[in-house]
Structure formats: structure tokens, C-alpha cells
Amino acid sequence: MIQLNAEDVIRGLKRLKSLAKQDILISGLAPNPDLWMKMATARKQKYETLMALVEQHGVPGACEIALEQYATLPAVGGDSPDIDPHTKGEEQALEVFFKTIGVDGRSLKDARARRTEMGGAQ
């Protein structure tokens, strides 16, 4: 059961968004700058979306919607060069969100199990 209030979650999401913005700014220094920038941009956008969901639906409602979104992402394993950076960035943002608000491992595992294997490169 999620016990955090909306203001605390939004404050945390703003901090995570700030970290993603910093990653965008330093992406040129990364080994693969384009990949790094796309993943950081996707995380930033997802944190903005999550903030809006928390404001509109509260923490439990936002969590439920986020779990549905997570379940619809294609399964991407490891650091394969075939990974779509936008999808990977969204996945990372959602997983950090779930950990931040204390989603139990079983719920996340169930959502992950519903994901479909990604077929080849995108």
C-alpha cells in the first residue's frame, strides 16, 4: 500500500527530472552521446507525465496507470545495441518511480511478465 502524499511524490519526481536534464546536458561526454541523450530525454518526459498523473489522479491512481504503461512497453533485455533508447529511458523512469513510491516487487514482477518480447531492432 502506498503511503506517500502527492506533494512528496511530485517533489521527488521534480528532482528526478532535474537529474535527467543534467544527463541531457552532459550527454556529449558519454561514449554514445546520441543514445545517452535520447534515453535521458525519454526519462525527463516520463517524469513530467508522471507528475501530471499524480496531480490528476493522486499517487495510487498514478501508480496504477504507470503499471499499465509499464506493462505495454516491449520487453528490452540488458544493454543490447538493438534497444530503442526512448523505450529504455521510459522503462528506467517508470522503474525508478515504482521504487521511489514503494511499489511491491510482486506488482512490478506481474507487470513485467505481461510485457512482450521485443522482436529485433526498432
PDB file of N, CA and C in Angstrom:
ATOM      1  N   MET A   1       0.830  -1.177   0.000  1.00  0.00           N
ATOM      2  CA  MET A   1       0.000   0.000   0.000  1.00  0.00           C
ATOM      3  C   MET A   1       0.884   1.253   0.000  1.00  0.00           C
ATOM      4  N   ILE A   2       0.558   2.205  -0.828  1.00  0.00           N
ATOM      5  CA  ILE A   2       1.359   3.406  -0.996  1.00  0.00           C
ATOM      6  C   ILE A   2       0.940   4.443   0.041  1.00  0.00           C
ATOM      7  N   GLN A   3       1.917   4.926   0.836  1.00  0.00           N
ATOM      8  CA  GLN A   3       1.628   5.838   1.931  1.00  0.00           C
ATOM      9  C   GLN A   3       2.127   7.263   1.683  1.00  0.00           C
ATOM     10  N   LEU A   4       2.749   7.542   0.562  1.00  0.00           N
ATOM     11  CA  LEU A   4       3.290   8.872   0.292  1.00  0.00           C
ATOM     12  C   LEU A   4       2.200   9.822  -0.181  1.00  0.00           C
ATOM     13  N   ASN A   5       2.323  11.101   0.209  1.00  0.00           N
ATOM     14  CA  ASN A   5       1.346  12.065  -0.286  1.00  0.00           C
ATOM     15  C   ASN A   5       1.811  12.628  -1.626  1.00  0.00           C
ATOM     16  N   ALA A   6       0.896  13.234  -2.330  1.00  0.00           N
ATOM     17  CA  ALA A   6       1.160  13.712  -3.693  1.00  0.00           C
ATOM     18  C   ALA A   6       2.273  14.748  -3.725  1.00  0.00           C
ATOM     19  N   GLU A   7       2.308  15.659  -2.755  1.00  0.00           N
ATOM     20  CA  GLU A   7       3.342  16.705  -2.766  1.00  0.00           C
ATOM     21  C   GLU A   7       4.736  16.110  -2.667  1.00  0.00           C
ATOM     22  N   ASP A   8       4.904  15.099  -1.803  1.00  0.00           N
ATOM     23  CA  ASP A   8       6.213  14.462  -1.653  1.00  0.00           C
ATOM     24  C   ASP A   8       6.626  13.745  -2.937  1.00  0.00           C
ATOM     25  N   VAL A   9       5.679  13.068  -3.557  1.00  0.00           N
ATOM     26  CA  VAL A   9       5.984  12.341  -4.792  1.00  0.00           C
ATOM     27  C   VAL A   9       6.334  13.326  -5.905  1.00  0.00           C
ATOM     28  N   ILE A  10       5.587  14.401  -6.021  1.00  0.00           N
ATOM     29  CA  ILE A  10       5.874  15.401  -7.058  1.00  0.00           C
ATOM     30  C   ILE A  10       7.240  16.033  -6.813  1.00  0.00           C
ATOM     31  N   ARG A  11       7.557  16.304  -5.569  1.00  0.00           N
ATOM     32  CA  ARG A  11       8.869  16.866  -5.239  1.00  0.00           C
ATOM     33  C   ARG A  11       9.983  15.895  -5.671  1.00  0.00           C
ATOM     34  N   GLY A  12       9.792  14.616  -5.395  1.00  0.00           N
ATOM     35  CA  GLY A  12      10.761  13.597  -5.811  1.00  0.00           C
ATOM     36  C   GLY A  12      10.870  13.504  -7.327  1.00  0.00           C
ATOM     37  N   LEU A  13       9.734  13.556  -8.019  1.00  0.00           N
ATOM     38  CA  LEU A  13       9.746  13.496  -9.482  1.00  0.00           C
ATOM     39  C   LEU A  13      10.436  14.720 -10.086  1.00  0.00           C
ATOM     40  N   LYS A  14      10.269  15.874  -9.456  1.00  0.00           N
ATOM     41  CA  LYS A  14      10.962  17.075  -9.938  1.00  0.00           C
ATOM     42  C   LYS A  14      12.471  16.900  -9.822  1.00  0.00           C
ATOM     43  N   ARG A  15      12.914  16.286  -8.753  1.00  0.00           N
ATOM     44  CA  ARG A  15      14.353  16.036  -8.569  1.00  0.00           C
ATOM     45  C   ARG A  15      14.850  15.042  -9.617  1.00  0.00           C
ATOM     46  N   LEU A  16      14.086  13.999  -9.856  1.00  0.00           N
ATOM     47  CA  LEU A  16      14.471  13.017 -10.879  1.00  0.00           C
ATOM     48  C   LEU A  16      14.504  13.656 -12.268  1.00  0.00           C
ATOM     49  N   LYS A  17      13.542  14.534 -12.530  1.00  0.00           N
ATOM     50  CA  LYS A  17      13.521  15.253 -13.804  1.00  0.00           C
ATOM     51  C   LYS A  17      14.772  16.118 -13.936  1.00  0.00           C
ATOM     52  N   SER A  18      15.167  16.754 -12.857  1.00  0.00           N
ATOM     53  CA  SER A  18      16.371  17.578 -12.856  1.00  0.00           C
ATOM     54  C   SER A  18      17.611  16.737 -13.165  1.00  0.00           C
ATOM     55  N   LEU A  19      17.677  15.544 -12.599  1.00  0.00           N
ATOM     56  CA  LEU A  19      18.803  14.657 -12.882  1.00  0.00           C
ATOM     57  C   LEU A  19      18.822  14.237 -14.355  1.00  0.00           C
ATOM     58  N   ALA A  20      17.649  13.982 -14.906  1.00  0.00           N
ATOM     59  CA  ALA A  20      17.570  13.631 -16.331  1.00  0.00           C
ATOM     60  C   ALA A  20      18.031  14.807 -17.197  1.00  0.00           C
ATOM     61  N   LYS A  21      17.657  16.032 -16.807  1.00  0.00           N
ATOM     62  CA  LYS A  21      18.106  17.221 -17.547  1.00  0.00           C
ATOM     63  C   LYS A  21      19.628  17.345 -17.495  1.00  0.00           C
ATOM     64  N   GLN A  22      20.220  17.039 -16.335  1.00  0.00           N
ATOM     65  CA  GLN A  22      21.673  17.066 -16.226  1.00  0.00           C
ATOM     66  C   GLN A  22      22.302  16.027 -17.152  1.00  0.00           C
ATOM     67  N   ASP A  23      21.685  14.863 -17.239  1.00  0.00           N
ATOM     68  CA  ASP A  23      22.189  13.828 -18.151  1.00  0.00           C
ATOM     69  C   ASP A  23      22.119  14.293 -19.601  1.00  0.00           C
ATOM     70  N   ILE A  24      21.068  15.025 -19.945  1.00  0.00           N
ATOM     71  CA  ILE A  24      20.954  15.558 -21.301  1.00  0.00           C
ATOM     72  C   ILE A  24      22.117  16.514 -21.572  1.00  0.00           C
ATOM     73  N   LEU A  25      22.393  17.372 -20.601  1.00  0.00           N
ATOM     74  CA  LEU A  25      23.454  18.368 -20.771  1.00  0.00           C
ATOM     75  C   LEU A  25      24.841  17.749 -20.912  1.00  0.00           C
ATOM     76  N   ILE A  26      25.077  16.625 -20.235  1.00  0.00           N
ATOM     77  CA  ILE A  26      26.404  16.013 -20.318  1.00  0.00           C
ATOM     78  C   ILE A  26      26.458  14.857 -21.312  1.00  0.00           C
ATOM     79  N   SER A  27      25.399  14.667 -22.061  1.00  0.00           N
ATOM     80  CA  SER A  27      25.343  13.528 -22.980  1.00  0.00           C
ATOM     81  C   SER A  27      26.477  13.547 -24.000  1.00  0.00           C
ATOM     82  N   GLY A  28      26.956  14.739 -24.362  1.00  0.00           N
ATOM     83  CA  GLY A  28      28.045  14.831 -25.324  1.00  0.00           C
ATOM     84  C   GLY A  28      29.330  14.197 -24.835  1.00  0.00           C
ATOM     85  N   LEU A  29      29.452  13.975 -23.541  1.00  0.00           N
ATOM     86  CA  LEU A  29      30.653  13.375 -22.969  1.00  0.00           C
ATOM     87  C   LEU A  29      30.548  11.857 -22.849  1.00  0.00           C
ATOM     88  N   ALA A  30      29.384  11.325 -23.109  1.00  0.00           N
ATOM     89  CA  ALA A  30      29.147   9.881 -22.980  1.00  0.00           C
ATOM     90  C   ALA A  30      29.749   9.138 -24.171  1.00  0.00           C
ATOM     91  N   PRO A  31      30.033   7.840 -23.993  1.00  0.00           N
ATOM     92  CA  PRO A  31      30.580   7.042 -25.097  1.00  0.00           C
ATOM     93  C   PRO A  31      29.678   7.010 -26.326  1.00  0.00           C
ATOM     94  N   ASN A  32      28.358   7.034 -26.112  1.00  0.00           N
ATOM     95  CA  ASN A  32      27.401   7.054 -27.210  1.00  0.00           C
ATOM     96  C   ASN A  32      26.450   8.224 -26.957  1.00  0.00           C
ATOM     97  N   PRO A  33      26.843   9.446 -27.353  1.00  0.00           N
ATOM     98  CA  PRO A  33      26.088  10.643 -26.985  1.00  0.00           C
ATOM     99  C   PRO A  33      24.638  10.653 -27.455  1.00  0.00           C
ATOM    100  N   ASP A  34      24.371  10.173 -28.662  1.00  0.00           N
ATOM    101  CA  ASP A  34      23.007  10.184 -29.181  1.00  0.00           C
ATOM    102  C   ASP A  34      22.105   9.269 -28.360  1.00  0.00           C
ATOM    103  N   LEU A  35      22.582   8.079 -28.071  1.00  0.00           N
ATOM    104  CA  LEU A  35      21.825   7.119 -27.257  1.00  0.00           C
ATOM    105  C   LEU A  35      21.570   7.691 -25.866  1.00  0.00           C
ATOM    106  N   TRP A  36      22.608   8.244 -25.258  1.00  0.00           N
ATOM    107  CA  TRP A  36      22.506   8.812 -23.915  1.00  0.00           C
ATOM    108  C   TRP A  36      21.473   9.938 -23.880  1.00  0.00           C
ATOM    109  N   MET A  37      21.520  10.824 -24.884  1.00  0.00           N
ATOM    110  CA  MET A  37      20.592  11.950 -24.925  1.00  0.00           C
ATOM    111  C   MET A  37      19.150  11.474 -25.100  1.00  0.00           C
ATOM    112  N   LYS A  38      18.928  10.512 -25.978  1.00  0.00           N
ATOM    113  CA  LYS A  38      17.572  10.016 -26.209  1.00  0.00           C
ATOM    114  C   LYS A  38      17.000   9.348 -24.957  1.00  0.00           C
ATOM    115  N   MET A  39      17.835   8.576 -24.259  1.00  0.00           N
ATOM    116  CA  MET A  39      17.361   7.917 -23.039  1.00  0.00           C
ATOM    117  C   MET A  39      17.052   8.945 -21.950  1.00  0.00           C
ATOM    118  N   ALA A  40      17.933   9.931 -21.788  1.00  0.00           N
ATOM    119  CA  ALA A  40      17.721  10.966 -20.767  1.00  0.00           C
ATOM    120  C   ALA A  40      16.491  11.808 -21.101  1.00  0.00           C
ATOM    121  N   THR A  41      16.296  12.120 -22.365  1.00  0.00           N
ATOM    122  CA  THR A  41      15.129  12.899 -22.787  1.00  0.00           C
ATOM    123  C   THR A  41      13.839  12.119 -22.526  1.00  0.00           C
ATOM    124  N   ALA A  42      13.856  10.820 -22.804  1.00  0.00           N
ATOM    125  CA  ALA A  42      12.679   9.985 -22.540  1.00  0.00           C
ATOM    126  C   ALA A  42      12.382   9.928 -21.043  1.00  0.00           C
ATOM    127  N   ARG A  43      13.422   9.828 -20.217  1.00  0.00           N
ATOM    128  CA  ARG A  43      13.211   9.821 -18.767  1.00  0.00           C
ATOM    129  C   ARG A  43      12.603  11.146 -18.312  1.00  0.00           C
ATOM    130  N   LYS A  44      13.140  12.251 -18.788  1.00  0.00           N
ATOM    131  CA  LYS A  44      12.638  13.577 -18.417  1.00  0.00           C
ATOM    132  C   LYS A  44      11.156  13.711 -18.789  1.00  0.00           C
ATOM    133  N   GLN A  45      10.821  13.309 -20.004  1.00  0.00           N
ATOM    134  CA  GLN A  45       9.430  13.396 -20.453  1.00  0.00           C
ATOM    135  C   GLN A  45       8.514  12.504 -19.618  1.00  0.00           C
ATOM    136  N   LYS A  46       8.996  11.315 -19.276  1.00  0.00           N
ATOM    137  CA  LYS A  46       8.173  10.393 -18.480  1.00  0.00           C
ATOM    138  C   LYS A  46       7.964  10.942 -17.073  1.00  0.00           C
ATOM    139  N   TYR A  47       8.980  11.566 -16.493  1.00  0.00           N
ATOM    140  CA  TYR A  47       8.800  12.168 -15.168  1.00  0.00           C
ATOM    141  C   TYR A  47       7.772  13.294 -15.224  1.00  0.00           C
ATOM    142  N   GLU A  48       7.774  14.074 -16.296  1.00  0.00           N
ATOM    143  CA  GLU A  48       6.767  15.134 -16.459  1.00  0.00           C
ATOM    144  C   GLU A  48       5.375  14.524 -16.540  1.00  0.00           C
ATOM    145  N   THR A  49       5.237  13.449 -17.296  1.00  0.00           N
ATOM    146  CA  THR A  49       3.959  12.760 -17.424  1.00  0.00           C
ATOM    147  C   THR A  49       3.514  12.215 -16.073  1.00  0.00           C
ATOM    148  N   LEU A  50       4.439  11.623 -15.331  1.00  0.00           N
ATOM    149  CA  LEU A  50       4.101  11.065 -14.025  1.00  0.00           C
ATOM    150  C   LEU A  50       3.667  12.149 -13.045  1.00  0.00           C
ATOM    151  N   MET A  51       4.317  13.317 -13.105  1.00  0.00           N
ATOM    152  CA  MET A  51       3.896  14.427 -12.242  1.00  0.00           C
ATOM    153  C   MET A  51       2.453  14.818 -12.545  1.00  0.00           C
ATOM    154  N   ALA A  52       2.116  14.898 -13.818  1.00  0.00           N
ATOM    155  CA  ALA A  52       0.742  15.251 -14.203  1.00  0.00           C
ATOM    156  C   ALA A  52      -0.239  14.179 -13.730  1.00  0.00           C
ATOM    157  N   LEU A  53       0.149  12.919 -13.840  1.00  0.00           N
ATOM    158  CA  LEU A  53      -0.726  11.834 -13.382  1.00  0.00           C
ATOM    159  C   LEU A  53      -0.967  11.913 -11.881  1.00  0.00           C
ATOM    160  N   VAL A  54       0.083  12.201 -11.114  1.00  0.00           N
ATOM    161  CA  VAL A  54      -0.066  12.314  -9.665  1.00  0.00           C
ATOM    162  C   VAL A  54      -0.987  13.479  -9.327  1.00  0.00           C
ATOM    163  N   GLU A  55      -0.822  14.599 -10.026  1.00  0.00           N
ATOM    164  CA  GLU A  55      -1.680  15.755  -9.777  1.00  0.00           C
ATOM    165  C   GLU A  55      -3.143  15.451 -10.100  1.00  0.00           C
ATOM    166  N   GLN A  56      -3.386  14.714 -11.184  1.00  0.00           N
ATOM    167  CA  GLN A  56      -4.755  14.440 -11.633  1.00  0.00           C
ATOM    168  C   GLN A  56      -5.424  13.291 -10.883  1.00  0.00           C
ATOM    169  N   HIS A  57      -4.633  12.246 -10.562  1.00  0.00           N
ATOM    170  CA  HIS A  57      -5.231  11.009 -10.052  1.00  0.00           C
ATOM    171  C   HIS A  57      -4.754  10.610  -8.663  1.00  0.00           C
ATOM    172  N   GLY A  58      -3.876  11.396  -8.075  1.00  0.00           N
ATOM    173  CA  GLY A  58      -3.299  11.007  -6.791  1.00  0.00           C
ATOM    174  C   GLY A  58      -2.245   9.933  -6.989  1.00  0.00           C
ATOM    175  N   VAL A  59      -1.558   9.596  -5.909  1.00  0.00           N
ATOM    176  CA  VAL A  59      -0.460   8.637  -6.005  1.00  0.00           C
ATOM    177  C   VAL A  59      -0.956   7.235  -6.385  1.00  0.00           C
ATOM    178  N   PRO A  60      -1.988   6.698  -5.726  1.00  0.00           N
ATOM    179  CA  PRO A  60      -2.434   5.347  -6.102  1.00  0.00           C
ATOM    180  C   PRO A  60      -2.923   5.266  -7.554  1.00  0.00           C
ATOM    181  N   GLY A  61      -3.668   6.274  -8.005  1.00  0.00           N
ATOM    182  CA  GLY A  61      -4.158   6.274  -9.385  1.00  0.00           C
ATOM    183  C   GLY A  61      -3.024   6.386 -10.383  1.00  0.00           C
ATOM    184  N   ALA A  62      -2.049   7.252 -10.088  1.00  0.00           N
ATOM    185  CA  ALA A  62      -0.890   7.406 -10.969  1.00  0.00           C
ATOM    186  C   ALA A  62      -0.084   6.118 -11.031  1.00  0.00           C
ATOM    187  N   CYS A  63       0.031   5.463  -9.889  1.00  0.00           N
ATOM    188  CA  CYS A  63       0.769   4.195  -9.853  1.00  0.00           C
ATOM    189  C   CYS A  63       0.080   3.140 -10.717  1.00  0.00           C
ATOM    190  N   GLU A  64      -1.219   3.066 -10.613  1.00  0.00           N
ATOM    191  CA  GLU A  64      -1.981   2.091 -11.412  1.00  0.00           C
ATOM    192  C   GLU A  64      -1.808   2.354 -12.913  1.00  0.00           C
ATOM    193  N   ILE A  65      -1.912   3.616 -13.309  1.00  0.00           N
ATOM    194  CA  ILE A  65      -1.740   3.977 -14.719  1.00  0.00           C
ATOM    195  C   ILE A  65      -0.308   3.685 -15.162  1.00  0.00           C
ATOM    196  N   ALA A  66       0.665   4.004 -14.317  1.00  0.00           N
ATOM    197  CA  ALA A  66       2.068   3.771 -14.659  1.00  0.00           C
ATOM    198  C   ALA A  66       2.350   2.272 -14.806  1.00  0.00           C
ATOM    199  N   LEU A  67       1.745   1.452 -13.952  1.00  0.00           N
ATOM    200  CA  LEU A  67       1.926  -0.002 -14.087  1.00  0.00           C
ATOM    201  C   LEU A  67       1.357  -0.496 -15.407  1.00  0.00           C
ATOM    202  N   GLU A  68       0.216   0.065 -15.834  1.00  0.00           N
ATOM    203  CA  GLU A  68      -0.354  -0.299 -17.130  1.00  0.00           C
ATOM    204  C   GLU A  68       0.575   0.127 -18.260  1.00  0.00           C
ATOM    205  N   GLN A  69       1.133   1.328 -18.161  1.00  0.00           N
ATOM    206  CA  GLN A  69       2.070   1.807 -19.187  1.00  0.00           C
ATOM    207  C   GLN A  69       3.303   0.914 -19.231  1.00  0.00           C
ATOM    208  N   TYR A  70       3.802   0.544 -18.070  1.00  0.00           N
ATOM    209  CA  TYR A  70       4.984  -0.312 -17.984  1.00  0.00           C
ATOM    210  C   TYR A  70       4.713  -1.663 -18.655  1.00  0.00           C
ATOM    211  N   ALA A  71       3.530  -2.196 -18.419  1.00  0.00           N
ATOM    212  CA  ALA A  71       3.176  -3.494 -18.983  1.00  0.00           C
ATOM    213  C   ALA A  71       3.065  -3.440 -20.510  1.00  0.00           C
ATOM    214  N   THR A  72       2.799  -2.254 -21.071  1.00  0.00           N
ATOM    215  CA  THR A  72       2.668  -2.158 -22.536  1.00  0.00           C
ATOM    216  C   THR A  72       4.001  -1.926 -23.233  1.00  0.00           C
ATOM    217  N   LEU A  73       5.051  -1.620 -22.473  1.00  0.00           N
ATOM    218  CA  LEU A  73       6.362  -1.441 -23.106  1.00  0.00           C
ATOM    219  C   LEU A  73       6.871  -2.778 -23.628  1.00  0.00           C
ATOM    220  N   PRO A  74       7.549  -2.768 -24.760  1.00  0.00           N
ATOM    221  CA  PRO A  74       8.169  -4.022 -25.205  1.00  0.00           C
ATOM    222  C   PRO A  74       9.269  -4.414 -24.234  1.00  0.00           C
ATOM    223  N   ALA A  75       9.440  -5.702 -24.015  1.00  0.00           N
ATOM    224  CA  ALA A  75      10.496  -6.176 -23.119  1.00  0.00           C
ATOM    225  C   ALA A  75      11.846  -5.927 -23.782  1.00  0.00           C
ATOM    226  N   VAL A  76      12.695  -5.226 -23.080  1.00  0.00           N
ATOM    227  CA  VAL A  76      14.047  -4.970 -23.582  1.00  0.00           C
ATOM    228  C   VAL A  76      15.019  -5.503 -22.550  1.00  0.00           C
ATOM    229  N   GLY A  77      15.884  -6.385 -22.980  1.00  0.00           N
ATOM    230  CA  GLY A  77      16.802  -7.004 -22.038  1.00  0.00           C
ATOM    231  C   GLY A  77      18.208  -6.472 -22.155  1.00  0.00           C
ATOM    232  N   GLY A  78      18.829  -6.245 -21.018  1.00  0.00           N
ATOM    233  CA  GLY A  78      20.234  -5.890 -20.976  1.00  0.00           C
ATOM    234  C   GLY A  78      20.576  -4.611 -21.706  1.00  0.00           C
ATOM    235  N   ASP A  79      21.778  -4.576 -22.255  1.00  0.00           N
ATOM    236  CA  ASP A  79      22.269  -3.396 -22.951  1.00  0.00           C
ATOM    237  C   ASP A  79      22.508  -3.704 -24.429  1.00  0.00           C
ATOM    238  N   SER A  80      21.627  -4.458 -25.015  1.00  0.00           N
ATOM    239  CA  SER A  80      21.747  -4.820 -26.420  1.00  0.00           C
ATOM    240  C   SER A  80      21.779  -3.574 -27.295  1.00  0.00           C
ATOM    241  N   PRO A  81      22.575  -3.587 -28.362  1.00  0.00           N
ATOM    242  CA  PRO A  81      22.597  -2.435 -29.269  1.00  0.00           C
ATOM    243  C   PRO A  81      21.274  -2.247 -30.012  1.00  0.00           C
ATOM    244  N   ASP A  82      20.393  -3.240 -29.968  1.00  0.00           N
ATOM    245  CA  ASP A  82      19.101  -3.164 -30.653  1.00  0.00           C
ATOM    246  C   ASP A  82      18.054  -2.401 -29.843  1.00  0.00           C
ATOM    247  N   ILE A  83      18.378  -2.033 -28.621  1.00  0.00           N
ATOM    248  CA  ILE A  83      17.400  -1.396 -27.741  1.00  0.00           C
ATOM    249  C   ILE A  83      17.039  -0.007 -28.254  1.00  0.00           C
ATOM    250  N   ASP A  84      15.737   0.258 -28.306  1.00  0.00           N
ATOM    251  CA  ASP A  84      15.253   1.587 -28.640  1.00  0.00           C
ATOM    252  C   ASP A  84      15.526   2.486 -27.438  1.00  0.00           C
ATOM    253  N   PRO A  85      16.309   3.548 -27.583  1.00  0.00           N
ATOM    254  CA  PRO A  85      16.670   4.370 -26.429  1.00  0.00           C
ATOM    255  C   PRO A  85      15.477   5.053 -25.768  1.00  0.00           C
ATOM    256  N   HIS A  86      14.468   5.401 -26.541  1.00  0.00           N
ATOM    257  CA  HIS A  86      13.280   6.025 -25.954  1.00  0.00           C
ATOM    258  C   HIS A  86      12.559   5.030 -25.040  1.00  0.00           C
ATOM    259  N   THR A  87      12.392   3.816 -25.516  1.00  0.00           N
ATOM    260  CA  THR A  87      11.741   2.774 -24.720  1.00  0.00           C
ATOM    261  C   THR A  87      12.547   2.482 -23.461  1.00  0.00           C
ATOM    262  N   LYS A  88      13.861   2.377 -23.602  1.00  0.00           N
ATOM    263  CA  LYS A  88      14.720   2.094 -22.449  1.00  0.00           C
ATOM    264  C   LYS A  88      14.645   3.230 -21.432  1.00  0.00           C
ATOM    265  N   GLY A  89      14.635   4.475 -21.901  1.00  0.00           N
ATOM    266  CA  GLY A  89      14.525   5.614 -20.993  1.00  0.00           C
ATOM    267  C   GLY A  89      13.207   5.618 -20.244  1.00  0.00           C
ATOM    268  N   GLU A  90      12.111   5.320 -20.945  1.00  0.00           N
ATOM    269  CA  GLU A  90      10.803   5.237 -20.279  1.00  0.00           C
ATOM    270  C   GLU A  90      10.794   4.123 -19.244  1.00  0.00           C
ATOM    271  N   GLU A  91      11.355   2.983 -19.612  1.00  0.00           N
ATOM    272  CA  GLU A  91      11.425   1.855 -18.690  1.00  0.00           C
ATOM    273  C   GLU A  91      12.199   2.248 -17.425  1.00  0.00           C
ATOM    274  N   GLN A  92      13.337   2.900 -17.611  1.00  0.00           N
ATOM    275  CA  GLN A  92      14.140   3.313 -16.469  1.00  0.00           C
ATOM    276  C   GLN A  92      13.362   4.276 -15.567  1.00  0.00           C
ATOM    277  N   ALA A  93      12.704   5.258 -16.168  1.00  0.00           N
ATOM    278  CA  ALA A  93      11.954   6.243 -15.390  1.00  0.00           C
ATOM    279  C   ALA A  93      10.825   5.582 -14.605  1.00  0.00           C
ATOM    280  N   LEU A  94      10.103   4.693 -15.239  1.00  0.00           N
ATOM    281  CA  LEU A  94       9.000   4.016 -14.550  1.00  0.00           C
ATOM    282  C   LEU A  94       9.518   3.146 -13.404  1.00  0.00           C
ATOM    283  N   GLU A  95      10.615   2.437 -13.627  1.00  0.00           N
ATOM    284  CA  GLU A  95      11.148   1.580 -12.574  1.00  0.00           C
ATOM    285  C   GLU A  95      11.637   2.403 -11.380  1.00  0.00           C
ATOM    286  N   VAL A  96      12.269   3.549 -11.641  1.00  0.00           N
ATOM    287  CA  VAL A  96      12.701   4.426 -10.547  1.00  0.00           C
ATOM    288  C   VAL A  96      11.476   4.974  -9.811  1.00  0.00           C
ATOM    289  N   PHE A  97      10.440   5.350 -10.549  1.00  0.00           N
ATOM    290  CA  PHE A  97       9.200   5.833  -9.939  1.00  0.00           C
ATOM    291  C   PHE A  97       8.614   4.773  -9.009  1.00  0.00           C
ATOM    292  N   PHE A  98       8.533   3.535  -9.495  1.00  0.00           N
ATOM    293  CA  PHE A  98       7.962   2.462  -8.681  1.00  0.00           C
ATOM    294  C   PHE A  98       8.774   2.247  -7.409  1.00  0.00           C
ATOM    295  N   LYS A  99      10.089   2.253  -7.525  1.00  0.00           N
ATOM    296  CA  LYS A  99      10.940   2.068  -6.349  1.00  0.00           C
ATOM    297  C   LYS A  99      10.779   3.240  -5.387  1.00  0.00           C
ATOM    298  N   THR A 100      10.660   4.437  -5.933  1.00  0.00           N
ATOM    299  CA  THR A 100      10.535   5.637  -5.111  1.00  0.00           C
ATOM    300  C   THR A 100       9.261   5.620  -4.277  1.00  0.00           C
ATOM    301  N   ILE A 101       8.168   5.171  -4.855  1.00  0.00           N
ATOM    302  CA  ILE A 101       6.899   5.189  -4.116  1.00  0.00           C
ATOM    303  C   ILE A 101       6.644   3.882  -3.371  1.00  0.00           C
ATOM    304  N   GLY A 102       7.543   2.922  -3.503  1.00  0.00           N
ATOM    305  CA  GLY A 102       7.435   1.695  -2.726  1.00  0.00           C
ATOM    306  C   GLY A 102       6.506   0.639  -3.288  1.00  0.00           C
ATOM    307  N   VAL A 103       6.416   0.573  -4.615  1.00  0.00           N
ATOM    308  CA  VAL A 103       5.609  -0.496  -5.226  1.00  0.00           C
ATOM    309  C   VAL A 103       6.259  -1.833  -4.872  1.00  0.00           C
ATOM    310  N   ASP A 104       5.448  -2.767  -4.418  1.00  0.00           N
ATOM    311  CA  ASP A 104       5.996  -4.054  -4.020  1.00  0.00           C
ATOM    312  C   ASP A 104       6.519  -4.814  -5.238  1.00  0.00           C
ATOM    313  N   GLY A 105       7.512  -5.610  -4.995  1.00  0.00           N
ATOM    314  CA  GLY A 105       8.177  -6.351  -6.065  1.00  0.00           C
ATOM    315  C   GLY A 105       7.245  -7.246  -6.853  1.00  0.00           C
ATOM    316  N   ARG A 106       6.240  -7.792  -6.204  1.00  0.00           N
ATOM    317  CA  ARG A 106       5.305  -8.692  -6.899  1.00  0.00           C
ATOM    318  C   ARG A 106       4.504  -7.949  -7.966  1.00  0.00           C
ATOM    319  N   SER A 107       4.044  -6.741  -7.650  1.00  0.00           N
ATOM    320  CA  SER A 107       3.285  -5.952  -8.628  1.00  0.00           C
ATOM    321  C   SER A 107       4.143  -5.632  -9.846  1.00  0.00           C
ATOM    322  N   LEU A 108       5.389  -5.263  -9.587  1.00  0.00           N
ATOM    323  CA  LEU A 108       6.299  -4.945 -10.686  1.00  0.00           C
ATOM    324  C   LEU A 108       6.621  -6.197 -11.495  1.00  0.00           C
ATOM    325  N   LYS A 109       6.811  -7.301 -10.813  1.00  0.00           N
ATOM    326  CA  LYS A 109       7.089  -8.563 -11.492  1.00  0.00           C
ATOM    327  C   LYS A 109       5.901  -8.978 -12.367  1.00  0.00           C
ATOM    328  N   ASP A 110       4.686  -8.809 -11.859  1.00  0.00           N
ATOM    329  CA  ASP A 110       3.489  -9.135 -12.640  1.00  0.00           C
ATOM    330  C   ASP A 110       3.388  -8.257 -13.885  1.00  0.00           C
ATOM    331  N   ALA A 111       3.657  -6.959 -13.731  1.00  0.00           N
ATOM    332  CA  ALA A 111       3.611  -6.049 -14.882  1.00  0.00           C
ATOM    333  C   ALA A 111       4.696  -6.412 -15.886  1.00  0.00           C
ATOM    334  N   ARG A 112       5.867  -6.762 -15.385  1.00  0.00           N
ATOM    335  CA  ARG A 112       6.978  -7.141 -16.272  1.00  0.00           C
ATOM    336  C   ARG A 112       6.637  -8.419 -17.038  1.00  0.00           C
ATOM    337  N   ALA A 113       5.953  -9.340 -16.396  1.00  0.00           N
ATOM    338  CA  ALA A 113       5.591 -10.608 -17.030  1.00  0.00           C
ATOM    339  C   ALA A 113       4.603 -10.410 -18.176  1.00  0.00           C
ATOM    340  N   ARG A 114       3.813  -9.323 -18.130  1.00  0.00           N
ATOM    341  CA  ARG A 114       2.842  -9.055 -19.195  1.00  0.00           C
ATOM    342  C   ARG A 114       3.489  -8.423 -20.427  1.00  0.00           C
ATOM    343  N   ARG A 115       4.713  -7.970 -20.285  1.00  0.00           N
ATOM    344  CA  ARG A 115       5.384  -7.315 -21.412  1.00  0.00           C
ATOM    345  C   ARG A 115       5.735  -8.347 -22.475  1.00  0.00           C
ATOM    346  N   THR A 116       5.723  -7.880 -23.730  1.00  0.00           N
ATOM    347  CA  THR A 116       6.039  -8.788 -24.828  1.00  0.00           C
ATOM    348  C   THR A 116       7.498  -8.633 -25.218  1.00  0.00           C
ATOM    349  N   GLU A 117       8.089  -9.708 -25.643  1.00  0.00           N
ATOM    350  CA  GLU A 117       9.483  -9.664 -26.090  1.00  0.00           C
ATOM    351  C   GLU A 117       9.594  -8.798 -27.323  1.00  0.00           C
ATOM    352  N   MET A 118      10.615  -7.985 -27.330  1.00  0.00           N
ATOM    353  CA  MET A 118      10.856  -7.095 -28.462  1.00  0.00           C
ATOM    354  C   MET A 118      11.457  -7.919 -29.593  1.00  0.00           C
ATOM    355  N   GLY A 119      10.872  -7.837 -30.757  1.00  0.00           N
ATOM    356  CA  GLY A 119      11.354  -8.593 -31.897  1.00  0.00           C
ATOM    357  C   GLY A 119      12.327  -7.794 -32.742  1.00  0.00           C
ATOM    358  N   GLY A 120      13.613  -8.031 -32.568  1.00  0.00           N
ATOM    359  CA  GLY A 120      14.623  -7.347 -33.391  1.00  0.00           C
ATOM    360  C   GLY A 120      14.775  -5.889 -33.046  1.00  0.00           C
ATOM    361  N   ALA A 121      15.483  -5.186 -33.895  1.00  0.00           N
ATOM    362  CA  ALA A 121      15.766  -3.766 -33.672  1.00  0.00           C
ATOM    363  C   ALA A 121      14.552  -2.918 -34.071  1.00  0.00           C
ATOM    364  N   GLN A 122      14.449  -1.762 -33.437  1.00  0.00           N
ATOM    365  CA  GLN A 122      13.374  -0.828 -33.797  1.00  0.00           C
ATOM    366  C   GLN A 122      13.943   0.333 -34.516  1.00  0.00           C
TER     367      GLN A 122
END
